[in-house]
Amino acid sequence: MKQFVFIFFLSVVTTQAQLIYSVDYKSQSDVNVFVVDYKSQADLLIYKVDYKSQAKGNEGLWFFVDYKSQADLKVFFVDYKSQADLKVFFVDYKSQAGWSSKEKKHLLY
């Protein structure tokens, strides 16, 4: 029973981390992302953290990993807004990160 609880806890923690890998092809991605020009257009405001340990929860704190096998989520940055599952804007401060539109929050679980 203890082993089951540990595995369950571990899976919950890892699925909520935002370790991101940017893939080269749309077919390899979990989510297609478009970077908008203005904060008000975004579903999610993202802050790129400096350390893997800072990328906790599903609140827009992303850490970009070097290898696909390290990632919780594989994203492809599309050229057009109409191709995107998620519209994002990169912010300058950690406190600005978060969801503007909660309806797409399920995409990153």
PDB file of N, CA and C in Angstrom:
ATOM      1  N   MET A   1       0.819  -1.196   0.000  1.00  0.00           N
ATOM      2  CA  MET A   1       0.000   0.000   0.000  1.00  0.00           C
ATOM      3  C   MET A   1       0.865   1.262   0.000  1.00  0.00           C
ATOM      4  N   LYS A   2       1.951   1.254   0.785  1.00  0.00           N
ATOM      5  CA  LYS A   2       2.830   2.418   0.835  1.00  0.00           C
ATOM      6  C   LYS A   2       3.427   2.717  -0.535  1.00  0.00           C
ATOM      7  N   GLN A   3       3.778   1.653  -1.254  1.00  0.00           N
ATOM      8  CA  GLN A   3       4.361   1.822  -2.580  1.00  0.00           C
ATOM      9  C   GLN A   3       3.345   2.458  -3.530  1.00  0.00           C
ATOM     10  N   PHE A   4       2.091   2.040  -3.451  1.00  0.00           N
ATOM     11  CA  PHE A   4       1.035   2.603  -4.292  1.00  0.00           C
ATOM     12  C   PHE A   4       0.859   4.095  -4.018  1.00  0.00           C
ATOM     13  N   VAL A   5       0.827   4.464  -2.748  1.00  0.00           N
ATOM     14  CA  VAL A   5       0.668   5.869  -2.375  1.00  0.00           C
ATOM     15  C   VAL A   5       1.845   6.689  -2.900  1.00  0.00           C
ATOM     16  N   PHE A   6       3.053   6.177  -2.771  1.00  0.00           N
ATOM     17  CA  PHE A   6       4.239   6.875  -3.260  1.00  0.00           C
ATOM     18  C   PHE A   6       4.170   7.069  -4.775  1.00  0.00           C
ATOM     19  N   ILE A   7       3.806   6.036  -5.503  1.00  0.00           N
ATOM     20  CA  ILE A   7       3.712   6.133  -6.967  1.00  0.00           C
ATOM     21  C   ILE A   7       2.629   7.125  -7.370  1.00  0.00           C
ATOM     22  N   PHE A   8       1.494   7.080  -6.681  1.00  0.00           N
ATOM     23  CA  PHE A   8       0.410   8.018  -6.969  1.00  0.00           C
ATOM     24  C   PHE A   8       0.871   9.460  -6.722  1.00  0.00           C
ATOM     25  N   PHE A   9       1.512   9.699  -5.590  1.00  0.00           N
ATOM     26  CA  PHE A   9       2.010  11.031  -5.254  1.00  0.00           C
ATOM     27  C   PHE A   9       3.022  11.503  -6.286  1.00  0.00           C
ATOM     28  N   LEU A  10       3.924  10.632  -6.671  1.00  0.00           N
ATOM     29  CA  LEU A  10       4.938  10.973  -7.661  1.00  0.00           C
ATOM     30  C   LEU A  10       4.306  11.339  -8.997  1.00  0.00           C
ATOM     31  N   SER A  11       3.292  10.608  -9.420  1.00  0.00           N
ATOM     32  CA  SER A  11       2.639  10.899 -10.698  1.00  0.00           C
ATOM     33  C   SER A  11       1.886  12.220 -10.657  1.00  0.00           C
ATOM     34  N   VAL A  12       1.286  12.557  -9.527  1.00  0.00           N
ATOM     35  CA  VAL A  12       0.590  13.833  -9.394  1.00  0.00           C
ATOM     36  C   VAL A  12       1.578  14.987  -9.469  1.00  0.00           C
ATOM     37  N   VAL A  13       2.709  14.846  -8.805  1.00  0.00           N
ATOM     38  CA  VAL A  13       3.718  15.902  -8.805  1.00  0.00           C
ATOM     39  C   VAL A  13       4.276  16.111 -10.206  1.00  0.00           C
ATOM     40  N   THR A  14       4.598  15.042 -10.909  1.00  0.00           N
ATOM     41  CA  THR A  14       5.215  15.187 -12.227  1.00  0.00           C
ATOM     42  C   THR A  14       4.236  15.688 -13.276  1.00  0.00           C
ATOM     43  N   THR A  15       2.984  15.351 -13.185  1.00  0.00           N
ATOM     44  CA  THR A  15       2.055  15.805 -14.207  1.00  0.00           C
ATOM     45  C   THR A  15       1.738  17.282 -14.085  1.00  0.00           C
ATOM     46  N   GLN A  16       2.021  17.876 -12.941  1.00  0.00           N
ATOM     47  CA  GLN A  16       1.735  19.290 -12.784  1.00  0.00           C
ATOM     48  C   GLN A  16       2.963  20.173 -13.000  1.00  0.00           C
ATOM     49  N   ALA A  17       4.112  19.594 -13.120  1.00  0.00           N
ATOM     50  CA  ALA A  17       5.306  20.383 -13.401  1.00  0.00           C
ATOM     51  C   ALA A  17       5.255  20.858 -14.839  1.00  0.00           C
ATOM     52  N   GLN A  18       5.881  21.961 -15.092  1.00  0.00           N
ATOM     53  CA  GLN A  18       5.864  22.516 -16.435  1.00  0.00           C
ATOM     54  C   GLN A  18       7.261  22.478 -17.046  1.00  0.00           C
ATOM     55  N   LEU A  19       7.742  21.267 -17.274  1.00  0.00           N
ATOM     56  CA  LEU A  19       9.015  21.069 -17.951  1.00  0.00           C
ATOM     57  C   LEU A  19       8.699  20.926 -19.428  1.00  0.00           C
ATOM     58  N   ILE A  20       9.179  21.867 -20.210  1.00  0.00           N
ATOM     59  CA  ILE A  20       8.754  22.010 -21.602  1.00  0.00           C
ATOM     60  C   ILE A  20       9.905  21.687 -22.552  1.00  0.00           C
ATOM     61  N   TYR A  21       9.551  20.990 -23.630  1.00  0.00           N
ATOM     62  CA  TYR A  21      10.506  20.760 -24.705  1.00  0.00           C
ATOM     63  C   TYR A  21       9.864  21.267 -25.992  1.00  0.00           C
ATOM     64  N   SER A  22      10.591  22.065 -26.729  1.00  0.00           N
ATOM     65  CA  SER A  22      10.099  22.607 -27.986  1.00  0.00           C
ATOM     66  C   SER A  22      10.510  21.678 -29.129  1.00  0.00           C
ATOM     67  N   VAL A  23       9.526  21.061 -29.757  1.00  0.00           N
ATOM     68  CA  VAL A  23       9.795  20.104 -30.834  1.00  0.00           C
ATOM     69  C   VAL A  23       9.911  20.814 -32.176  1.00  0.00           C
ATOM     70  N   ASP A  24      10.470  20.100 -33.141  1.00  0.00           N
ATOM     71  CA  ASP A  24      10.690  20.671 -34.466  1.00  0.00           C
ATOM     72  C   ASP A  24       9.504  20.506 -35.411  1.00  0.00           C
ATOM     73  N   TYR A  25       8.639  19.555 -35.108  1.00  0.00           N
ATOM     74  CA  TYR A  25       7.525  19.263 -36.005  1.00  0.00           C
ATOM     75  C   TYR A  25       6.205  19.219 -35.239  1.00  0.00           C
ATOM     76  N   LYS A  26       5.171  19.733 -35.858  1.00  0.00           N
ATOM     77  CA  LYS A  26       3.843  19.794 -35.259  1.00  0.00           C
ATOM     78  C   LYS A  26       3.350  18.412 -34.836  1.00  0.00           C
ATOM     79  N   SER A  27       3.656  17.415 -35.613  1.00  0.00           N
ATOM     80  CA  SER A  27       3.190  16.048 -35.334  1.00  0.00           C
ATOM     81  C   SER A  27       3.803  15.453 -34.061  1.00  0.00           C
ATOM     82  N   GLN A  28       4.885  16.043 -33.566  1.00  0.00           N
ATOM     83  CA  GLN A  28       5.555  15.552 -32.358  1.00  0.00           C
ATOM     84  C   GLN A  28       5.023  16.207 -31.086  1.00  0.00           C
ATOM     85  N   SER A  29       4.174  17.190 -31.223  1.00  0.00           N
ATOM     86  CA  SER A  29       3.784  17.999 -30.066  1.00  0.00           C
ATOM     87  C   SER A  29       2.557  17.468 -29.337  1.00  0.00           C
ATOM     88  N   ASP A  30       2.493  17.849 -28.060  1.00  0.00           N
ATOM     89  CA  ASP A  30       1.293  17.618 -27.262  1.00  0.00           C
ATOM     90  C   ASP A  30       0.349  18.802 -27.412  1.00  0.00           C
ATOM     91  N   VAL A  31       0.938  19.993 -27.541  1.00  0.00           N
ATOM     92  CA  VAL A  31       0.172  21.232 -27.643  1.00  0.00           C
ATOM     93  C   VAL A  31       0.829  22.154 -28.666  1.00  0.00           C
ATOM     94  N   ASN A  32       0.002  22.765 -29.502  1.00  0.00           N
ATOM     95  CA  ASN A  32       0.486  23.746 -30.467  1.00  0.00           C
ATOM     96  C   ASN A  32       0.294  25.132 -29.866  1.00  0.00           C
ATOM     97  N   VAL A  33       1.367  25.911 -29.857  1.00  0.00           N
ATOM     98  CA  VAL A  33       1.390  27.184 -29.147  1.00  0.00           C
ATOM     99  C   VAL A  33       1.686  28.325 -30.112  1.00  0.00           C
ATOM    100  N   PHE A  34       0.982  29.438 -29.907  1.00  0.00           N
ATOM    101  CA  PHE A  34       1.246  30.656 -30.675  1.00  0.00           C
ATOM    102  C   PHE A  34       1.575  31.768 -29.684  1.00  0.00           C
ATOM    103  N   VAL A  35       2.645  32.485 -29.961  1.00  0.00           N
ATOM    104  CA  VAL A  35       3.051  33.603 -29.102  1.00  0.00           C
ATOM    105  C   VAL A  35       2.404  34.878 -29.644  1.00  0.00           C
ATOM    106  N   VAL A  36       1.536  35.475 -28.832  1.00  0.00           N
ATOM    107  CA  VAL A  36       0.814  36.686 -29.238  1.00  0.00           C
ATOM    108  C   VAL A  36       1.641  37.932 -28.935  1.00  0.00           C
ATOM    109  N   ASP A  37       1.228  39.035 -29.528  1.00  0.00           N
ATOM    110  CA  ASP A  37       1.956  40.296 -29.377  1.00  0.00           C
ATOM    111  C   ASP A  37       1.604  41.055 -28.099  1.00  0.00           C
ATOM    112  N   TYR A  38       0.409  40.804 -27.594  1.00  0.00           N
ATOM    113  CA  TYR A  38      -0.065  41.548 -26.429  1.00  0.00           C
ATOM    114  C   TYR A  38      -0.589  40.607 -25.346  1.00  0.00           C
ATOM    115  N   LYS A  39      -0.356  40.992 -24.096  1.00  0.00           N
ATOM    116  CA  LYS A  39      -0.806  40.238 -22.933  1.00  0.00           C
ATOM    117  C   LYS A  39      -2.297  39.917 -22.990  1.00  0.00           C
ATOM    118  N   SER A  40      -3.072  40.883 -23.413  1.00  0.00           N
ATOM    119  CA  SER A  40      -4.531  40.742 -23.415  1.00  0.00           C
ATOM    120  C   SER A  40      -5.035  39.687 -24.398  1.00  0.00           C
ATOM    121  N   GLN A  41      -4.211  39.267 -25.341  1.00  0.00           N
ATOM    122  CA  GLN A  41      -4.605  38.261 -26.337  1.00  0.00           C
ATOM    123  C   GLN A  41      -4.312  36.836 -25.887  1.00  0.00           C
ATOM    124  N   ALA A  42      -3.590  36.683 -24.798  1.00  0.00           N
ATOM    125  CA  ALA A  42      -3.085  35.366 -24.387  1.00  0.00           C
ATOM    126  C   ALA A  42      -4.053  34.607 -23.491  1.00  0.00           C
ATOM    127  N   ASP A  43      -4.010  33.275 -23.641  1.00  0.00           N
ATOM    128  CA  ASP A  43      -4.717  32.386 -22.723  1.00  0.00           C
ATOM    129  C   ASP A  43      -3.870  32.183 -21.471  1.00  0.00           C
ATOM    130  N   LEU A  44      -2.547  32.171 -21.678  1.00  0.00           N
ATOM    131  CA  LEU A  44      -1.613  31.911 -20.594  1.00  0.00           C
ATOM    132  C   LEU A  44      -0.441  32.880 -20.661  1.00  0.00           C
ATOM    133  N   LEU A  45      -0.123  33.483 -19.510  1.00  0.00           N
ATOM    134  CA  LEU A  45       1.047  34.348 -19.398  1.00  0.00           C
ATOM    135  C   LEU A  45       2.163  33.499 -18.813  1.00  0.00           C
ATOM    136  N   ILE A  46       3.273  33.427 -19.527  1.00  0.00           N
ATOM    137  CA  ILE A  46       4.363  32.520 -19.165  1.00  0.00           C
ATOM    138  C   ILE A  46       5.588  33.291 -18.697  1.00  0.00           C
ATOM    139  N   TYR A  47       6.181  32.756 -17.634  1.00  0.00           N
ATOM    140  CA  TYR A  47       7.465  33.249 -17.161  1.00  0.00           C
ATOM    141  C   TYR A  47       8.450  32.090 -17.256  1.00  0.00           C
ATOM    142  N   LYS A  48       9.567  32.318 -17.944  1.00  0.00           N
ATOM    143  CA  LYS A  48      10.592  31.286 -18.065  1.00  0.00           C
ATOM    144  C   LYS A  48      11.467  31.312 -16.823  1.00  0.00           C
ATOM    145  N   VAL A  49      11.394  30.249 -16.044  1.00  0.00           N
ATOM    146  CA  VAL A  49      12.182  30.169 -14.804  1.00  0.00           C
ATOM    147  C   VAL A  49      13.603  29.702 -15.114  1.00  0.00           C
ATOM    148  N   ASP A  50      14.510  29.973 -14.186  1.00  0.00           N
ATOM    149  CA  ASP A  50      15.922  29.651 -14.373  1.00  0.00           C
ATOM    150  C   ASP A  50      16.285  28.235 -13.962  1.00  0.00           C
ATOM    151  N   TYR A  51      15.468  27.661 -13.084  1.00  0.00           N
ATOM    152  CA  TYR A  51      15.786  26.335 -12.557  1.00  0.00           C
ATOM    153  C   TYR A  51      14.586  25.401 -12.662  1.00  0.00           C
ATOM    154  N   LYS A  52      14.875  24.155 -12.938  1.00  0.00           N
ATOM    155  CA  LYS A  52      13.861  23.112 -13.062  1.00  0.00           C
ATOM    156  C   LYS A  52      12.943  23.051 -11.845  1.00  0.00           C
ATOM    157  N   SER A  53      13.508  23.216 -10.662  1.00  0.00           N
ATOM    158  CA  SER A  53      12.746  23.118  -9.421  1.00  0.00           C
ATOM    159  C   SER A  53      11.717  24.242  -9.251  1.00  0.00           C
ATOM    160  N   GLN A  54      11.853  25.319 -10.010  1.00  0.00           N
ATOM    161  CA  GLN A  54      10.920  26.444  -9.923  1.00  0.00           C
ATOM    162  C   GLN A  54       9.680  26.242 -10.784  1.00  0.00           C
ATOM    163  N   ALA A  55       9.711  25.267 -11.655  1.00  0.00           N
ATOM    164  CA  ALA A  55       8.597  25.015 -12.580  1.00  0.00           C
ATOM    165  C   ALA A  55       7.579  24.100 -11.925  1.00  0.00           C
ATOM    166  N   LYS A  56       6.814  24.653 -11.008  1.00  0.00           N
ATOM    167  CA  LYS A  56       5.837  23.881 -10.259  1.00  0.00           C
ATOM    168  C   LYS A  56       4.423  24.307 -10.646  1.00  0.00           C
ATOM    169  N   GLY A  57       3.525  23.349 -10.621  1.00  0.00           N
ATOM    170  CA  GLY A  57       2.125  23.646 -10.871  1.00  0.00           C
ATOM    171  C   GLY A  57       1.831  23.970 -12.314  1.00  0.00           C
ATOM    172  N   ASN A  58       0.621  24.346 -12.555  1.00  0.00           N
ATOM    173  CA  ASN A  58       0.156  24.679 -13.901  1.00  0.00           C
ATOM    174  C   ASN A  58      -0.213  26.155 -13.921  1.00  0.00           C
ATOM    175  N   GLU A  59       0.754  26.986 -13.589  1.00  0.00           N
ATOM    176  CA  GLU A  59       0.491  28.424 -13.468  1.00  0.00           C
ATOM    177  C   GLU A  59       1.385  29.270 -14.365  1.00  0.00           C
ATOM    178  N   GLY A  60       1.930  28.688 -15.420  1.00  0.00           N
ATOM    179  CA  GLY A  60       2.707  29.471 -16.369  1.00  0.00           C
ATOM    180  C   GLY A  60       4.173  29.642 -16.037  1.00  0.00           C
ATOM    181  N   LEU A  61       4.690  28.834 -15.132  1.00  0.00           N
ATOM    182  CA  LEU A  61       6.115  28.860 -14.827  1.00  0.00           C
ATOM    183  C   LEU A  61       6.763  27.718 -15.607  1.00  0.00           C
ATOM    184  N   TRP A  62       7.387  28.056 -16.711  1.00  0.00           N
ATOM    185  CA  TRP A  62       7.948  27.050 -17.618  1.00  0.00           C
ATOM    186  C   TRP A  62       9.465  27.004 -17.509  1.00  0.00           C
ATOM    187  N   PHE A  63       9.970  25.779 -17.573  1.00  0.00           N
ATOM    188  CA  PHE A  63      11.405  25.547 -17.677  1.00  0.00           C
ATOM    189  C   PHE A  63      11.624  24.727 -18.940  1.00  0.00           C
ATOM    190  N   PHE A  64      12.430  25.232 -19.852  1.00  0.00           N
ATOM    191  CA  PHE A  64      12.692  24.535 -21.103  1.00  0.00           C
ATOM    192  C   PHE A  64      13.857  23.569 -20.914  1.00  0.00           C
ATOM    193  N   VAL A  65      13.586  22.288 -21.140  1.00  0.00           N
ATOM    194  CA  VAL A  65      14.606  21.251 -20.976  1.00  0.00           C
ATOM    195  C   VAL A  65      15.322  21.009 -22.300  1.00  0.00           C
ATOM    196  N   ASP A  66      16.481  20.387 -22.229  1.00  0.00           N
ATOM    197  CA  ASP A  66      17.309  20.158 -23.408  1.00  0.00           C
ATOM    198  C   ASP A  66      16.943  18.883 -24.169  1.00  0.00           C
ATOM    199  N   TYR A  67      16.272  17.968 -23.485  1.00  0.00           N
ATOM    200  CA  TYR A  67      15.962  16.675 -24.103  1.00  0.00           C
ATOM    201  C   TYR A  67      14.485  16.345 -23.960  1.00  0.00           C
ATOM    202  N   LYS A  68      13.929  15.788 -25.015  1.00  0.00           N
ATOM    203  CA  LYS A  68      12.517  15.430 -25.051  1.00  0.00           C
ATOM    204  C   LYS A  68      12.132  14.494 -23.908  1.00  0.00           C
ATOM    205  N   SER A  69      13.026  13.587 -23.547  1.00  0.00           N
ATOM    206  CA  SER A  69      12.741  12.612 -22.494  1.00  0.00           C
ATOM    207  C   SER A  69      12.606  13.256 -21.109  1.00  0.00           C
ATOM    208  N   GLN A  70      13.098  14.466 -20.941  1.00  0.00           N
ATOM    209  CA  GLN A  70      13.007  15.165 -19.656  1.00  0.00           C
ATOM    210  C   GLN A  70      11.705  15.950 -19.517  1.00  0.00           C
ATOM    211  N   ALA A  71      10.985  16.107 -20.594  1.00  0.00           N
ATOM    212  CA  ALA A  71       9.829  17.005 -20.622  1.00  0.00           C
ATOM    213  C   ALA A  71       8.541  16.357 -20.134  1.00  0.00           C
ATOM    214  N   ASP A  72       7.726  17.191 -19.506  1.00  0.00           N
ATOM    215  CA  ASP A  72       6.365  16.799 -19.163  1.00  0.00           C
ATOM    216  C   ASP A  72       5.439  17.120 -20.330  1.00  0.00           C
ATOM    217  N   LEU A  73       5.839  18.089 -21.137  1.00  0.00           N
ATOM    218  CA  LEU A  73       4.999  18.560 -22.220  1.00  0.00           C
ATOM    219  C   LEU A  73       5.865  18.940 -23.411  1.00  0.00           C
ATOM    220  N   LYS A  74       5.454  18.487 -24.590  1.00  0.00           N
ATOM    221  CA  LYS A  74       6.155  18.844 -25.817  1.00  0.00           C
ATOM    222  C   LYS A  74       5.293  19.862 -26.565  1.00  0.00           C
ATOM    223  N   VAL A  75       5.880  21.001 -26.884  1.00  0.00           N
ATOM    224  CA  VAL A  75       5.137  22.056 -27.574  1.00  0.00           C
ATOM    225  C   VAL A  75       5.756  22.346 -28.933  1.00  0.00           C
ATOM    226  N   PHE A  76       4.905  22.795 -29.825  1.00  0.00           N
ATOM    227  CA  PHE A  76       5.349  23.254 -31.133  1.00  0.00           C
ATOM    228  C   PHE A  76       4.841  24.679 -31.292  1.00  0.00           C
ATOM    229  N   PHE A  77       5.737  25.598 -31.620  1.00  0.00           N
ATOM    230  CA  PHE A  77       5.363  26.990 -31.809  1.00  0.00           C
ATOM    231  C   PHE A  77       4.937  27.191 -33.263  1.00  0.00           C
ATOM    232  N   VAL A  78       3.657  27.449 -33.451  1.00  0.00           N
ATOM    233  CA  VAL A  78       3.079  27.601 -34.789  1.00  0.00           C
ATOM    234  C   VAL A  78       3.242  29.040 -35.277  1.00  0.00           C
ATOM    235  N   ASP A  79       3.093  29.224 -36.582  1.00  0.00           N
ATOM    236  CA  ASP A  79       3.273  30.533 -37.199  1.00  0.00           C
ATOM    237  C   ASP A  79       2.006  31.386 -37.205  1.00  0.00           C
ATOM    238  N   TYR A  80       0.858  30.732 -37.083  1.00  0.00           N
ATOM    239  CA  TYR A  80      -0.413  31.448 -37.177  1.00  0.00           C
ATOM    240  C   TYR A  80      -1.311  31.130 -35.990  1.00  0.00           C
ATOM    241  N   LYS A  81      -2.003  32.155 -35.515  1.00  0.00           N
ATOM    242  CA  LYS A  81      -2.892  32.026 -34.365  1.00  0.00           C
ATOM    243  C   LYS A  81      -3.956  30.947 -34.580  1.00  0.00           C
ATOM    244  N   SER A  82      -4.438  30.831 -35.795  1.00  0.00           N
ATOM    245  CA  SER A  82      -5.496  29.866 -36.099  1.00  0.00           C
ATOM    246  C   SER A  82      -5.040  28.411 -35.971  1.00  0.00           C
ATOM    247  N   GLN A  83      -3.742  28.166 -35.983  1.00  0.00           N
ATOM    248  CA  GLN A  83      -3.197  26.807 -35.855  1.00  0.00           C
ATOM    249  C   GLN A  83      -2.982  26.400 -34.396  1.00  0.00           C
ATOM    250  N   ALA A  84      -3.137  27.343 -33.497  1.00  0.00           N
ATOM    251  CA  ALA A  84      -2.760  27.117 -32.107  1.00  0.00           C
ATOM    252  C   ALA A  84      -3.870  26.507 -31.265  1.00  0.00           C
ATOM    253  N   ASP A  85      -3.438  25.652 -30.333  1.00  0.00           N
ATOM    254  CA  ASP A  85      -4.327  25.163 -29.281  1.00  0.00           C
ATOM    255  C   ASP A  85      -4.324  26.162 -28.129  1.00  0.00           C
ATOM    256  N   LEU A  86      -3.198  26.854 -27.979  1.00  0.00           N
ATOM    257  CA  LEU A  86      -2.990  27.732 -26.833  1.00  0.00           C
ATOM    258  C   LEU A  86      -2.242  28.977 -27.282  1.00  0.00           C
ATOM    259  N   LYS A  87      -2.734  30.149 -26.856  1.00  0.00           N
ATOM    260  CA  LYS A  87      -2.055  31.417 -27.140  1.00  0.00           C
ATOM    261  C   LYS A  87      -1.341  31.865 -25.872  1.00  0.00           C
ATOM    262  N   VAL A  88      -0.053  32.186 -26.009  1.00  0.00           N
ATOM    263  CA  VAL A  88       0.750  32.554 -24.850  1.00  0.00           C
ATOM    264  C   VAL A  88       1.441  33.893 -25.056  1.00  0.00           C
ATOM    265  N   PHE A  89       1.838  34.477 -23.934  1.00  0.00           N
ATOM    266  CA  PHE A  89       2.624  35.704 -23.943  1.00  0.00           C
ATOM    267  C   PHE A  89       3.684  35.542 -22.869  1.00  0.00           C
ATOM    268  N   PHE A  90       4.937  35.827 -23.180  1.00  0.00           N
ATOM    269  CA  PHE A  90       6.029  35.710 -22.223  1.00  0.00           C
ATOM    270  C   PHE A  90       6.167  37.015 -21.442  1.00  0.00           C
ATOM    271  N   VAL A  91       6.083  36.911 -20.122  1.00  0.00           N
ATOM    272  CA  VAL A  91       6.153  38.082 -19.248  1.00  0.00           C
ATOM    273  C   VAL A  91       7.551  38.217 -18.638  1.00  0.00           C
ATOM    274  N   ASP A  92       7.816  39.392 -18.099  1.00  0.00           N
ATOM    275  CA  ASP A  92       9.131  39.701 -17.551  1.00  0.00           C
ATOM    276  C   ASP A  92       9.284  39.349 -16.075  1.00  0.00           C
ATOM    277  N   TYR A  93       8.164  39.173 -15.390  1.00  0.00           N
ATOM    278  CA  TYR A  93       8.217  38.920 -13.952  1.00  0.00           C
ATOM    279  C   TYR A  93       7.395  37.696 -13.577  1.00  0.00           C
ATOM    280  N   LYS A  94       7.907  36.929 -12.652  1.00  0.00           N
ATOM    281  CA  LYS A  94       7.267  35.706 -12.182  1.00  0.00           C
ATOM    282  C   LYS A  94       5.851  35.966 -11.669  1.00  0.00           C
ATOM    283  N   SER A  95       5.667  37.081 -10.998  1.00  0.00           N
ATOM    284  CA  SER A  95       4.364  37.420 -10.416  1.00  0.00           C
ATOM    285  C   SER A  95       3.286  37.683 -11.472  1.00  0.00           C
ATOM    286  N   GLN A  96       3.679  37.914 -12.714  1.00  0.00           N
ATOM    287  CA  GLN A  96       2.724  38.179 -13.788  1.00  0.00           C
ATOM    288  C   GLN A  96       2.213  36.898 -14.448  1.00  0.00           C
ATOM    289  N   ALA A  97       2.868  35.788 -14.189  1.00  0.00           N
ATOM    290  CA  ALA A  97       2.509  34.526 -14.839  1.00  0.00           C
ATOM    291  C   ALA A  97       1.165  34.016 -14.340  1.00  0.00           C
ATOM    292  N   GLY A  98       0.455  33.340 -15.240  1.00  0.00           N
ATOM    293  CA  GLY A  98      -0.816  32.741 -14.847  1.00  0.00           C
ATOM    294  C   GLY A  98      -1.781  32.671 -16.015  1.00  0.00           C
ATOM    295  N   TRP A  99      -2.917  32.092 -15.730  1.00  0.00           N
ATOM    296  CA  TRP A  99      -3.952  31.892 -16.747  1.00  0.00           C
ATOM    297  C   TRP A  99      -4.829  33.125 -16.885  1.00  0.00           C
ATOM    298  N   SER A 100      -5.018  33.563 -18.115  1.00  0.00           N
ATOM    299  CA  SER A 100      -5.975  34.630 -18.408  1.00  0.00           C
ATOM    300  C   SER A 100      -7.324  33.992 -18.699  1.00  0.00           C
ATOM    301  N   SER A 101      -7.256  32.809 -19.302  1.00  0.00           N
ATOM    302  CA  SER A 101      -8.456  32.075 -19.678  1.00  0.00           C
ATOM    303  C   SER A 101      -8.343  30.656 -19.130  1.00  0.00           C
ATOM    304  N   LYS A 102      -9.087  30.360 -18.098  1.00  0.00           N
ATOM    305  CA  LYS A 102      -9.018  29.053 -17.420  1.00  0.00           C
ATOM    306  C   LYS A 102      -9.580  27.916 -18.274  1.00  0.00           C
ATOM    307  N   GLU A 103     -10.322  28.221 -19.329  1.00  0.00           N
ATOM    308  CA  GLU A 103     -10.958  27.179 -20.135  1.00  0.00           C
ATOM    309  C   GLU A 103      -9.960  26.276 -20.868  1.00  0.00           C
ATOM    310  N   LYS A 104      -8.739  26.727 -21.033  1.00  0.00           N
ATOM    311  CA  LYS A 104      -7.735  25.909 -21.727  1.00  0.00           C
ATOM    312  C   LYS A 104      -6.708  25.298 -20.776  1.00  0.00           C
ATOM    313  N   LYS A 105      -6.915  25.451 -19.498  1.00  0.00           N
ATOM    314  CA  LYS A 105      -5.977  24.977 -18.479  1.00  0.00           C
ATOM    315  C   LYS A 105      -5.760  23.457 -18.584  1.00  0.00           C
ATOM    316  N   HIS A 106      -6.779  22.745 -19.008  1.00  0.00           N
ATOM    317  CA  HIS A 106      -6.689  21.272 -19.130  1.00  0.00           C
ATOM    318  C   HIS A 106      -5.649  20.823 -20.152  1.00  0.00           C
ATOM    319  N   LEU A 107      -5.278  21.668 -21.072  1.00  0.00           N
ATOM    320  CA  LEU A 107      -4.302  21.311 -22.115  1.00  0.00           C
ATOM    321  C   LEU A 107      -2.926  20.993 -21.531  1.00  0.00           C
ATOM    322  N   LEU A 108      -2.610  21.549 -20.379  1.00  0.00           N
ATOM    323  CA  LEU A 108      -1.274  21.373 -19.814  1.00  0.00           C
ATOM    324  C   LEU A 108      -1.234  20.384 -18.654  1.00  0.00           C
ATOM    325  N   TYR A 109      -2.248  19.553 -18.523  1.00  0.00           N
ATOM    326  CA  TYR A 109      -2.223  18.513 -17.491  1.00  0.00           C
ATOM    327  C   TYR A 109      -1.825  17.199 -18.093  1.00  0.00           C
TER     328      TYR A 109
END
